[in-house]
Protein backbone atom coordinates (compact mmCIF):
# COMPACT_ATOMS: atom_id res chain seq x y z
CA MET A 1 106.99 55.15 21.79
CA ARG A 2 104.61 58.08 22.27
CA LYS A 3 102.21 55.81 24.18
CA LEU A 4 105.01 54.62 26.48
CA LYS A 5 106.09 58.18 27.26
CA THR A 6 102.50 59.08 28.15
CA THR A 7 102.25 56.10 30.49
CA LYS A 8 105.49 57.12 32.22
CA ALA A 9 104.20 60.66 32.59
CA VAL A 10 100.97 59.45 34.17
CA ALA A 11 102.92 57.23 36.55
CA LEU A 12 105.15 60.13 37.50
CA LEU A 13 102.14 62.30 38.20
CA PHE A 14 100.60 59.53 40.33
CA ILE A 15 103.77 59.22 42.40
CA CYS A 16 103.87 63.00 42.92
CA ALA A 17 100.26 62.94 44.06
CA LEU A 18 101.05 60.20 46.57
CA LEU A 19 104.02 62.15 47.92
CA THR A 20 101.92 65.28 48.24
CA ALA A 21 99.22 63.39 50.12
CA ALA A 22 101.83 61.92 52.45
CA ILE A 23 103.31 65.33 53.19
CA VAL A 24 99.85 66.77 53.90
CA SER A 25 99.04 63.80 56.14
CA CYS A 26 102.29 64.10 58.09
CA ASN A 27 101.66 67.77 58.69
CA LYS A 28 97.94 67.62 59.44
CA ASP A 29 98.45 68.95 63.00
CA PHE A 30 100.19 72.03 61.64
CA ALA A 31 97.27 72.82 59.32
CA ARG A 32 95.38 74.00 62.38
CA VAL A 33 97.85 76.86 62.93
CA LEU A 34 96.67 80.04 61.27
CA PRO A 35 98.97 81.03 58.40
CA ASP A 36 100.71 84.38 58.32
CA LYS A 37 99.05 87.01 56.17
CA GLU A 38 100.60 89.91 54.30
CA TYR A 39 100.66 92.89 56.67
CA ASN A 40 101.71 96.51 56.30
CA ASP A 41 102.66 97.30 59.89
CA SER A 42 104.33 100.54 60.89
CA VAL A 43 106.94 98.42 62.63
CA ASN A 44 108.62 95.68 60.63
CA VAL A 45 108.03 92.64 62.83
CA LEU A 46 106.96 90.15 60.18
CA TYR A 47 109.93 87.89 60.81
CA GLY A 48 110.52 88.80 64.46
CA LYS A 49 110.65 86.45 67.42
CA ARG A 50 107.15 85.97 68.77
CA LYS A 51 106.39 86.92 72.36
CA VAL A 52 103.28 87.13 74.54
CA LEU A 53 102.37 89.37 77.45
CA TYR A 54 99.38 87.87 79.28
CA LEU A 55 97.69 89.99 81.96
CA ILE A 56 94.98 88.35 84.09
CA VAL A 57 92.81 90.60 86.23
CA ASP A 58 90.25 89.34 88.77
CA GLY A 59 86.82 90.85 89.32
CA ALA A 60 86.82 93.12 86.27
CA ARG A 61 83.36 93.08 84.71
CA GLY A 62 83.57 93.62 80.99
CA ALA A 63 80.73 96.17 81.13
CA SER A 64 82.59 98.15 83.80
CA ILE A 65 85.91 98.17 81.94
CA SER A 66 84.16 99.27 78.75
CA ALA A 67 82.51 102.23 80.51
CA ALA A 68 85.53 103.26 82.59
CA ASN A 69 88.25 105.85 81.95
CA VAL A 70 90.92 103.41 80.75
CA PRO A 71 92.94 105.20 78.05
CA ASN A 72 95.85 102.76 78.07
CA ILE A 73 93.65 99.71 77.60
CA LYS A 74 91.57 101.40 74.89
CA ALA A 75 94.71 102.56 73.07
CA LEU A 76 95.27 98.89 72.18
CA LEU A 77 91.89 98.45 70.50
CA PRO A 78 92.70 99.67 66.96
CA THR A 79 94.98 96.64 66.58
CA SER A 80 92.93 94.19 68.64
CA ILE A 81 90.41 91.41 68.57
CA TYR A 82 88.35 92.22 71.65
CA SER A 83 85.06 91.84 73.48
CA TRP A 84 83.42 93.40 76.54
CA VAL A 85 80.86 90.56 76.69
CA GLY A 86 83.21 87.61 77.13
CA LEU A 87 82.32 84.80 79.50
CA ASN A 88 83.90 82.61 82.11
CA ASP A 89 82.22 79.44 83.37
CA PRO A 90 78.86 80.72 84.70
CA GLU A 91 78.85 77.94 87.31
CA SER A 92 82.19 78.97 88.78
CA LYS A 93 82.27 80.46 92.27
CA SER A 94 86.04 80.19 92.71
CA ASP A 95 88.91 82.40 91.55
CA VAL A 96 91.20 79.39 91.35
CA ARG A 97 88.73 77.54 89.13
CA ASN A 98 88.69 80.57 86.81
CA TRP A 99 92.50 80.71 86.73
CA ALA A 100 92.66 77.01 85.91
CA ASP A 101 90.34 77.59 82.92
CA MET A 102 92.61 80.42 81.72
CA LEU A 103 95.84 78.48 82.17
CA THR A 104 94.85 75.02 80.92
CA GLY A 105 92.41 75.81 78.11
CA VAL A 106 89.90 73.26 79.39
CA LYS A 107 86.89 73.52 81.66
CA SER A 108 86.52 72.20 85.19
CA ASN A 109 84.88 68.94 84.10
CA LYS A 110 88.35 68.10 82.72
CA HIS A 111 90.93 69.90 84.87
CA GLY A 112 89.00 69.07 88.05
CA VAL A 113 89.65 72.36 89.85
CA VAL A 114 86.35 73.38 91.43
CA SER A 115 87.43 75.06 94.67
CA ASN A 116 90.29 77.17 95.98
CA ASP A 117 92.00 74.19 97.64
CA LEU A 118 92.36 72.42 94.23
CA GLU A 119 91.30 69.16 95.88
CA GLY A 120 90.67 66.37 93.37
CA ASN A 121 92.28 68.24 90.47
CA ASN A 122 93.27 66.52 87.24
CA LEU A 123 96.17 68.78 86.27
CA GLU A 124 98.42 65.80 85.60
CA ARG A 125 96.17 64.88 82.68
CA TYR A 126 95.17 68.38 81.58
CA LYS A 127 98.36 70.32 81.88
CA LEU A 128 99.02 74.02 82.19
CA ILE A 129 99.80 75.96 79.04
CA PHE A 130 103.44 76.39 80.13
CA GLN A 131 103.94 72.63 80.13
CA ASN A 132 102.27 72.20 76.74
CA ILE A 133 104.47 74.91 75.24
CA LYS A 134 107.65 73.39 76.59
CA GLU A 135 106.61 69.95 75.40
CA VAL A 136 106.91 71.32 71.86
CA ASP A 137 109.58 74.00 72.29
CA PRO A 138 111.65 73.80 75.51
CA THR A 139 113.53 76.98 74.53
CA ILE A 140 110.50 79.22 75.14
CA LYS A 141 111.11 80.88 78.48
CA VAL A 142 108.12 81.56 80.75
CA ALA A 143 107.92 84.06 83.60
CA SER A 144 104.94 84.55 85.94
CA PHE A 145 104.23 87.25 88.52
CA SER A 146 101.13 87.07 90.66
CA ALA A 147 99.28 88.72 93.51
CA SER A 148 98.39 85.27 94.89
CA ASN A 149 100.53 82.59 96.53
CA THR A 150 98.01 79.96 95.40
CA PHE A 151 98.42 81.11 91.80
CA LYS A 152 102.19 80.79 92.12
CA THR A 153 102.40 77.47 93.94
CA SER A 154 99.61 75.58 92.18
CA LEU A 155 99.16 77.00 88.69
CA THR A 156 102.58 77.90 87.29
CA THR A 157 104.16 74.46 86.95
CA GLY A 158 106.52 74.62 83.99
CA ALA A 159 107.32 78.32 84.31
CA ASP A 160 111.01 79.23 84.46
CA VAL A 161 110.31 82.15 86.79
CA SER A 162 107.37 82.28 89.20
CA GLU A 163 106.95 84.89 91.92
CA ALA A 164 104.14 86.08 94.18
CA TYR A 165 103.74 89.50 95.75
CA SER A 166 101.53 91.19 98.32
CA THR A 167 100.16 93.97 96.12
CA ASP A 168 99.30 94.65 92.49
CA ALA A 169 101.78 97.51 92.51
CA GLU A 170 104.57 95.05 93.28
CA VAL A 171 103.36 92.74 90.51
CA LYS A 172 103.47 95.66 88.09
CA ALA A 173 107.00 96.60 89.17
CA ALA A 174 108.20 93.01 88.78
CA LEU A 175 106.69 92.80 85.30
CA VAL A 176 108.33 96.03 84.19
CA ASN A 177 111.68 94.90 85.55
CA ASN A 178 111.42 91.52 83.82
CA ILE A 179 110.43 93.07 80.50
CA ASP A 180 113.37 95.49 80.77
CA THR A 181 115.99 92.89 81.63
CA ASP A 182 114.91 89.35 80.73
CA THR A 183 114.47 87.23 77.60
CA ALA A 184 111.20 85.47 78.50
CA SER A 185 108.89 84.86 75.55
CA LEU A 186 105.71 84.37 77.61
CA ILE A 187 105.21 86.76 80.51
CA ILE A 188 102.17 86.43 82.80
CA GLY A 189 100.95 89.06 85.23
CA HIS A 190 98.09 88.40 87.63
CA PHE A 191 96.26 91.25 89.42
CA ASN A 192 93.68 91.16 92.22
CA ASP A 193 92.96 94.70 93.50
CA ILE A 194 89.85 95.23 91.34
CA ASP A 195 88.28 92.08 92.76
CA GLU A 196 89.06 93.15 96.32
CA ALA A 197 87.44 96.52 95.74
CA GLY A 198 84.38 94.90 94.17
CA ALA A 199 83.99 92.41 97.01
CA GLN A 200 84.14 95.20 99.60
CA TYR A 201 82.12 97.92 97.88
CA GLY A 202 80.37 96.54 94.80
CA TYR A 203 81.21 95.43 91.25
CA ASP A 204 80.18 98.52 89.33
CA ASN A 205 81.61 101.90 88.35
CA SER A 206 78.92 103.58 90.45
CA PHE A 207 81.06 102.61 93.45
CA PRO A 208 84.02 105.07 93.52
CA GLN A 209 86.42 102.55 95.05
CA TYR A 210 85.77 99.97 92.35
CA LYS A 211 86.09 102.57 89.61
CA ALA A 212 89.35 103.82 91.12
CA ALA A 213 90.78 100.28 91.21
CA ILE A 214 89.99 99.90 87.48
CA GLU A 215 91.70 103.20 86.66
CA THR A 216 94.75 102.25 88.71
CA PHE A 217 95.01 98.97 86.86
CA ASP A 218 94.85 100.88 83.58
CA SER A 219 97.79 103.02 84.70
CA TYR A 220 99.74 99.80 85.39
CA VAL A 221 98.87 98.60 81.88
CA GLY A 222 100.29 101.83 80.49
CA GLU A 223 103.60 101.38 82.31
CA ILE A 224 103.86 97.73 81.28
CA ILE A 225 103.12 98.46 77.61
CA ASN A 226 105.69 101.27 77.63
CA ALA A 227 108.23 98.79 78.98
CA VAL A 228 107.46 96.43 76.09
CA LYS A 229 107.83 99.19 73.52
CA GLY A 230 111.03 100.37 75.17
CA ARG A 231 112.83 97.05 74.80
CA GLU A 232 116.10 97.33 72.93
CA ASN A 233 115.07 94.70 70.36
CA TYR A 234 111.37 95.63 70.19
CA THR A 235 111.50 96.27 66.45
CA ASN A 236 112.78 92.74 65.92
CA GLU A 237 110.11 91.16 68.12
CA ASP A 238 106.51 90.20 67.39
CA TRP A 239 104.33 90.76 70.47
CA MET A 240 100.77 89.72 71.22
CA ILE A 241 99.36 91.41 74.31
CA VAL A 242 96.50 89.59 76.03
CA ILE A 243 94.48 91.31 78.75
CA ALA A 244 91.54 89.41 80.20
CA SER A 245 89.44 89.23 83.32
CA SER A 246 88.99 85.93 85.09
CA GLY A 247 85.47 86.89 86.12
CA GLY A 248 83.20 89.76 87.10
CA GLY A 249 81.16 90.00 90.26
CA GLU A 250 77.61 90.11 91.54
CA PHE A 251 75.74 93.32 90.82
CA ALA A 252 72.03 94.00 90.36
CA ILE A 253 71.84 95.43 86.85
CA PRO A 254 68.81 97.56 85.87
CA SER A 255 65.80 95.52 84.83
CA ASN A 256 65.82 96.99 81.31
CA GLN A 257 69.32 95.56 80.82
CA ASN A 258 68.45 92.11 82.14
CA ASP A 259 67.62 89.69 79.32
CA ASN A 260 67.68 86.65 81.65
CA THR A 261 70.45 85.02 79.61
CA VAL A 262 74.02 84.30 80.63
CA PHE A 263 74.90 87.82 79.47
CA SER A 264 72.98 89.22 82.43
CA ASN A 265 75.06 87.13 84.82
CA THR A 266 77.41 89.83 86.07
CA SER A 267 79.73 87.30 87.73
CA ALA A 268 80.33 85.61 84.37
CA ASN A 269 80.87 88.86 82.43
CA THR A 270 84.53 89.12 81.42
CA PHE A 271 86.50 91.09 78.86
CA THR A 272 89.20 89.81 76.53
CA ILE A 273 91.68 91.76 74.40
CA TYR A 274 94.08 90.16 71.92
CA SER A 275 96.31 92.96 70.63
CA ALA A 276 99.03 92.66 67.99
CA LEU A 277 100.34 94.98 65.30
CA LYS A 278 99.28 92.34 62.77
CA TYR A 279 95.63 92.52 63.82
CA LYS A 280 92.91 94.65 62.32
CA THR A 281 90.16 95.88 64.63
CA ARG A 282 87.50 93.32 65.41
CA ILE A 283 84.99 93.81 68.19
CA ILE A 284 82.90 90.81 69.20
CA THR A 285 79.51 91.88 70.52
CA LYS A 286 76.61 90.10 72.18
CA PRO A 287 74.91 87.67 69.79
CA PHE A 288 71.20 87.50 69.06
CA THR A 289 69.53 86.16 72.19
CA GLY A 290 65.90 85.83 71.09
CA ASN A 291 62.79 87.76 70.09
CA ARG A 292 60.94 90.06 72.46
CA TYR A 293 57.70 88.79 73.97
CA LEU A 294 55.57 91.34 75.77
CA GLY A 295 52.07 91.52 77.15
CA ARG A 296 50.03 91.38 80.34
CA THR A 297 49.19 88.09 82.03
CA VAL A 298 48.35 86.53 85.39
CA ARG A 299 50.99 85.19 87.76
CA MET A 300 49.87 81.72 88.85
CA GLN A 301 51.33 81.77 92.34
CA GLY A 302 50.38 79.62 95.30
CA GLU A 303 47.19 77.70 95.93
CA ALA A 304 44.83 80.65 95.76
CA VAL A 305 45.36 81.69 92.14
CA ARG A 306 44.22 79.33 89.39
CA ALA A 307 41.87 79.07 86.40
CA GLU A 308 39.36 76.39 85.38
CA ILE A 309 37.03 75.32 82.57
CA ASP A 310 33.98 73.37 83.75
CA THR A 311 32.74 72.00 80.43
CA ALA A 312 36.03 70.53 79.28
CA ASP A 313 35.03 67.26 77.60
CA VAL A 314 36.49 68.40 74.28
CA PHE A 315 39.93 68.34 75.93
CA ASN A 316 39.77 64.67 76.87
CA LEU A 317 42.68 62.75 75.40
CA GLY A 318 40.78 59.63 74.46
CA GLY A 319 41.86 56.06 74.00
CA ASP A 320 43.80 53.83 71.67
CA THR A 321 43.47 55.91 68.49
CA SER A 322 43.32 59.45 69.86
CA LYS A 323 45.94 61.94 68.69
CA PHE A 324 46.65 65.35 70.21
CA THR A 325 49.26 68.06 70.68
CA ILE A 326 49.36 70.46 73.64
CA GLU A 327 51.59 73.54 73.63
CA LEU A 328 52.07 76.30 76.18
CA LYS A 329 54.61 78.91 77.18
CA VAL A 330 55.93 78.96 80.74
CA LYS A 331 58.09 81.39 82.67
CA LYS A 332 58.89 80.09 86.13
CA ASN A 333 59.82 82.32 89.05
CA GLY A 334 62.29 80.20 90.97
CA GLU A 335 64.94 77.56 90.44
CA LYS A 336 63.40 74.35 91.79
CA PHE A 337 59.84 73.13 92.43
CA ASN A 338 58.31 70.08 94.09
CA TRP A 339 55.65 68.74 91.75
CA PRO A 340 53.20 71.63 91.29
CA SER A 341 50.71 71.26 88.44
CA ILE A 342 50.62 73.99 85.81
CA LEU A 343 48.05 72.48 83.42
CA GLY A 344 45.99 69.32 83.68
CA LYS A 345 42.68 67.50 83.45
CA ARG A 346 42.01 65.09 86.29
CA ARG A 347 40.00 64.97 89.50
CA GLU A 348 43.01 65.67 91.75
CA TRP A 349 46.78 65.75 91.75
CA SER A 350 47.80 63.70 94.78
CA SER A 351 50.27 61.16 96.08
CA GLY A 352 49.30 57.72 94.82
CA HIS A 353 48.03 59.18 91.54
CA PRO A 354 44.43 58.18 92.27
CA SER A 355 42.60 59.64 89.28
CA VAL A 356 42.53 58.98 85.54
CA GLY A 357 43.72 61.87 83.40
CA TRP A 358 46.83 63.91 82.71
CA VAL A 359 48.88 66.76 84.12
CA ILE A 360 51.88 68.89 83.18
CA TYR A 361 53.93 69.71 86.29
CA LEU A 362 57.33 70.95 87.49
CA GLU A 363 59.89 68.86 89.34
CA GLU A 364 63.26 70.18 90.50
CA LYS A 365 64.54 72.20 87.51
CA TYR A 366 62.69 70.27 84.78
CA TRP A 367 59.12 69.53 83.73
CA TYR A 368 57.02 66.41 83.23
CA PHE A 369 53.91 65.18 81.46
CA GLU A 370 52.18 62.52 83.57
CA LEU A 371 49.16 60.39 82.77
CA ARG A 372 47.09 57.58 84.20
CA GLY A 373 44.79 55.61 81.90
CA VAL A 374 41.80 53.45 82.75
CA ASN A 375 43.98 50.34 82.38
CA ASP A 376 46.58 51.61 84.86
CA ILE A 377 45.44 49.90 88.05
CA ASN A 378 46.76 50.05 91.62
CA GLY A 379 48.01 53.59 91.24
CA ASN A 380 50.18 52.91 88.22
CA TYR A 381 51.12 56.00 86.21
CA ARG A 382 53.33 56.99 83.30
CA GLN A 383 55.68 59.98 82.99
CA CYS A 384 57.53 61.59 80.10
CA ARG A 385 60.18 64.09 81.11
CA GLY A 386 61.01 67.46 79.57
CA ARG A 387 64.27 69.31 80.03
CA ASP A 388 65.46 71.88 82.56
CA LEU A 389 63.78 75.29 82.52
CA GLU A 390 65.86 78.32 83.49
CA PRO A 391 64.08 80.72 85.86
CA GLY A 392 62.91 84.02 84.42
CA GLN A 393 62.88 82.76 80.83
CA TRP A 394 59.88 82.01 78.64
CA LYS A 395 60.06 78.45 77.32
CA ASN A 396 57.68 76.63 74.99
CA LEU A 397 56.55 73.19 76.20
CA THR A 398 54.99 70.68 73.81
CA VAL A 399 53.39 67.30 74.48
CA LYS A 400 52.07 65.21 71.64
CA CYS A 401 50.54 61.78 71.23
CA GLU A 402 51.23 59.95 67.99
CA LEU A 403 50.40 56.56 66.52
CA ARG A 404 53.34 54.69 65.00
CA GLY A 405 53.59 51.08 63.95
CA GLY A 406 50.33 50.23 65.66
CA ARG A 407 51.45 51.67 69.00
CA ARG A 408 50.72 54.90 70.86
CA TYR A 409 53.49 57.21 72.09
CA ILE A 410 53.80 60.38 74.16
CA ARG A 411 56.63 62.72 73.14
CA THR A 412 57.84 65.90 74.91
CA TYR A 413 59.63 68.94 73.44
CA THR A 414 61.16 72.12 74.87
CA ASN A 415 61.46 75.13 72.57
CA GLY A 416 60.66 72.80 69.69
CA GLN A 417 63.49 70.37 70.45
CA PHE A 418 62.67 66.73 71.21
CA ASP A 419 63.18 65.63 74.82
CA ASN A 420 61.79 62.13 75.53
CA GLU A 421 59.28 59.49 74.49
CA ILE A 422 57.23 56.80 76.27
CA ASP A 423 54.94 54.05 74.97
CA ILE A 424 51.38 54.34 76.36
CA THR A 425 49.71 51.79 74.12
CA ASP A 426 48.35 49.76 77.04
CA ALA A 427 47.25 52.73 79.18
CA GLY A 428 43.76 52.86 77.72
CA SER A 429 41.54 55.91 77.65
CA LEU A 430 42.52 59.11 79.51
CA ASP A 431 38.95 60.46 79.38
CA ASN A 432 37.26 61.85 82.50
CA ASN A 433 34.52 64.29 83.50
CA ASP A 434 36.89 66.64 85.30
CA LYS A 435 37.68 70.29 84.73
CA LEU A 436 40.61 71.58 82.69
CA LYS A 437 42.77 73.33 85.29
CA LEU A 438 45.43 75.98 84.81
CA GLY A 439 47.87 76.65 87.63
CA TYR A 440 47.36 75.02 91.04
CA MET A 441 45.48 71.70 91.08
CA ASN A 442 43.82 70.44 94.25
CA GLY A 443 45.42 67.44 95.94
CA THR A 444 48.08 66.34 98.40
CA GLY A 445 51.80 65.64 98.37
CA HIS A 446 52.90 68.47 96.11
CA GLY A 447 53.85 72.12 96.27
CA SER A 448 52.33 75.15 94.61
CA PRO A 449 53.45 76.83 91.41
CA ASP A 450 54.90 80.27 90.80
CA VAL A 451 54.74 80.73 87.05
CA TYR A 452 53.43 82.82 84.20
CA LEU A 453 51.51 80.83 81.57
CA SER A 454 50.49 81.98 78.10
CA ASP A 455 49.96 81.02 74.45
CA ILE A 456 48.23 77.73 75.28
CA ARG A 457 47.29 75.68 72.21
CA PHE A 458 45.34 72.42 72.09
CA PHE A 459 45.35 70.53 68.77
CA LYS A 460 43.23 67.46 68.07
CA THR A 461 45.96 65.94 65.93
CA THR A 462 49.64 65.05 66.00
CA LEU A 463 51.87 67.88 64.81
CA PRO A 464 54.98 66.76 62.92
CA ASP A 465 58.32 67.47 64.61
CA ALA A 466 59.20 70.00 61.92
CA ALA A 467 56.04 72.03 62.60
CA ILE A 468 56.66 71.94 66.35
CA ALA A 469 60.20 73.23 65.84
CA GLU A 470 59.18 75.93 63.35
CA TYR A 471 56.37 77.48 65.39
CA ALA A 472 57.51 76.83 68.99
CA CYS A 473 58.99 80.28 69.55
CA GLN A 474 56.25 82.25 67.81
CA THR A 475 53.95 83.93 70.29
CA THR A 476 50.70 83.85 68.30
CA ILE A 477 48.92 81.50 65.95
CA ASP A 478 46.69 82.30 62.99
CA GLU A 479 45.37 80.75 59.78
CA GLY A 480 48.90 80.66 58.39
CA HIS A 481 49.74 77.79 60.71
CA PRO A 482 49.46 74.53 58.69
CA TYR A 483 47.45 72.83 61.48
CA TYR A 484 45.27 75.76 62.45
CA THR A 485 42.06 73.93 61.48
CA PHE A 486 42.83 71.24 64.09
CA LEU A 487 42.80 73.74 66.99
CA ALA A 488 40.34 72.74 69.71
CA GLY A 489 41.43 75.56 72.02
CA TYR A 490 43.72 78.60 71.92
CA TRP A 491 44.26 80.84 74.93
CA PRO A 492 46.81 83.67 74.37
CA GLY A 493 46.60 84.38 78.11
CA THR A 494 47.48 88.05 77.61
CA ASP A 495 43.96 89.51 77.96
CA GLY A 496 45.33 91.99 80.50
CA GLN A 497 42.10 92.45 82.49
CA GLY A 498 38.91 90.81 83.65
CA ASN A 499 38.20 87.42 85.22
CA LEU A 500 38.58 85.31 82.09
CA ILE A 501 41.42 83.92 80.02
CA ARG A 502 39.61 83.86 76.73
CA ASP A 503 39.59 80.97 74.26
CA PHE A 504 40.08 82.16 70.69
CA GLY A 505 39.59 78.63 69.35
CA PRO A 506 36.41 77.29 67.76
CA GLN A 507 34.90 76.08 71.08
CA ALA A 508 35.21 79.47 72.85
CA ARG A 509 35.65 77.78 76.21
CA ASP A 510 37.22 80.39 78.48
CA PHE A 511 39.23 79.76 81.62
CA GLU A 512 37.63 81.41 84.64
CA LEU A 513 40.16 82.96 87.01
CA ILE A 514 39.81 82.09 90.69
CA GLY A 515 41.42 83.69 93.73
CA ASP A 516 43.34 86.90 94.37
CA TYR A 517 44.76 87.15 90.87
CA LYS A 518 46.51 90.14 89.33
CA TRP A 519 47.35 90.98 85.74
CA GLU A 520 51.03 91.85 85.40
CA ASP A 521 53.06 93.32 82.55
CA PHE A 522 55.97 91.38 81.06
CA ASN A 523 58.57 92.22 78.45
CA ASP A 524 61.03 89.38 77.97
CA LEU A 525 62.91 87.30 75.46
CA ILE A 526 61.18 84.24 74.06
CA CYS A 527 63.08 80.97 73.71
CA PRO A 528 66.57 82.38 74.37
CA PRO A 529 69.38 79.94 73.56
CA ASN A 530 71.02 78.22 76.52
CA ALA A 531 74.27 79.43 78.03
CA ALA A 532 76.45 76.86 76.27
CA THR A 533 75.06 77.82 72.87
CA LEU A 534 75.44 81.55 73.45
CA ALA A 535 78.97 81.18 74.82
CA GLN A 536 80.18 79.85 71.47
CA TYR A 537 79.71 83.29 69.92
CA VAL A 538 81.94 85.29 72.29
CA PRO A 539 85.45 84.83 73.72
CA GLN A 540 85.59 82.52 76.72
CA THR A 541 88.35 82.31 79.29
CA THR A 542 89.21 78.80 78.11
CA ASP A 543 90.00 80.17 74.63
CA ILE A 544 93.09 82.07 75.73
CA PRO A 545 95.61 79.19 75.89
CA SER A 546 94.62 78.16 72.34
CA GLN A 547 95.16 81.72 71.13
CA ILE A 548 98.61 81.84 72.77
CA LEU A 549 99.65 78.47 71.36
CA ASN A 550 98.56 79.64 67.94
CA TRP A 551 100.61 82.83 68.28
CA PHE A 552 103.67 80.71 68.98
CA ARG A 553 102.81 78.62 65.90
CA ILE A 554 102.31 75.56 68.10
CA ALA A 555 99.57 73.29 66.77
CA SER A 556 97.12 72.02 69.35
CA ARG A 557 97.76 68.33 69.92
CA GLN A 558 94.88 65.92 70.08
CA SER A 559 96.21 64.53 73.35
CA TRP A 560 95.77 67.94 75.02
CA ASP A 561 92.02 67.85 74.30
CA LEU A 562 91.63 71.63 74.58
CA ASP A 563 88.19 73.23 74.80
CA GLY A 564 89.13 76.65 73.47
CA ARG A 565 89.08 78.16 70.01
CA VAL A 566 91.29 80.63 68.13
CA TRP A 567 89.83 84.03 67.20
CA ILE A 568 90.91 85.80 64.02
CA ASP A 569 90.58 89.45 63.02
CA GLN A 570 87.94 89.01 60.33
């Protein structure tokens, strides 16, 4: 009998486990909603009806708001998750595109709004936040008040109340009146005066008109917040106040503040404040953007400035069994280029690719390694592409040749990350009697470079991918490098004076500078992450709808395919 009871108990436990799993599975969407925590607020709103005030302001650079006299905005910060270094889509040139990001929670590649006329939009598929909210809870009332007719007519579908006004002052008055008299749970206010002042005078507090527009907006915020706190049932309500800029504006920041990352793009610089009595203070600052790289090097610009090594046979790339790795750091001065060489060893760099050898060159926004072997007849050539290079940023380029499975491959890397691969087994030898050339290479059918080049390394072996990744963003090499003994040439390129770029490798074969060259100082970041990577660490405009949905305890549905994330106060 005891054995039977035990069996029944096990069975009962198994059934309970199955039921628990089923309940968890059925509620898996709701697991993505942040749970309530235990709070000790001065106002007892733990069980109150949740509401959101969402203020959108155009043209307000986060850096300018942070530095301005805005006491009403800053009074919210002790109970806020906030950032002065938020980002909108850096590619956006349209207010309406920015609004669509902030009201759908997806980027333009999904919602399709790329210009102010909304032509070709995909808002039927990627709906506005008001529609998503009402899909789950039709009882949530939405009211919107804007300084733009386009905002009202095109981007408030699903709102119960939607009005447009001629001035920000009228928007403020309408918001205060609605807060005083209505029962809306989501109230949106859109303001435009700061952007108009920036467009006319300049997007910085050094322009009195722009600064005054910011301070006026702050006074509106004060009146609106007072209206919220003055509501008859305020103590029984649970408010989140969101204030965010849709974008900044163009302004030439001082050079010592420009790190050549997306955070120096003043048009993309936004601010975001999520304020609620439940929140503890959390400020989100600029993430690590890379190590400093400073020195003095030559700007390889035009046809007149270049460097050469006459006795360069040691830098031939050989035939079927030769292995090598070439690394160099490049900072280009310009967005796009039409095929200028930056480093190569061949007789000329011309249309038709007439000579045997190799060259690293720039095309459009990206870079290439090109070669022609002795077996490549009739002008045949082979190319292996690298990735895009942002202007004004130091990037590490790597080309290596490796033998694998009896075949020979060229592989390219940018900042230590693999780009592409081609098979060159049948190309034959790349050897020639030509000079090693840095910067402009003689020939026809191509443009001239405008770049800084440094930290050039030539290994007579194949570096493993792990070693390339580990050392790509270091700016020097010494005996601690695991492949140091394979160095055939090493030119730091930061000599700072003279007519030579000295080779610190075992061959001591220096580049001789030619033309009207000048040594120039630089002080930059090395290998900064790209904009998409950096943007993950700060609030983006597309995050806001997800934060609002979360406040309303509405789980994000897979069918909405939102791009944003929810920020928490820890």
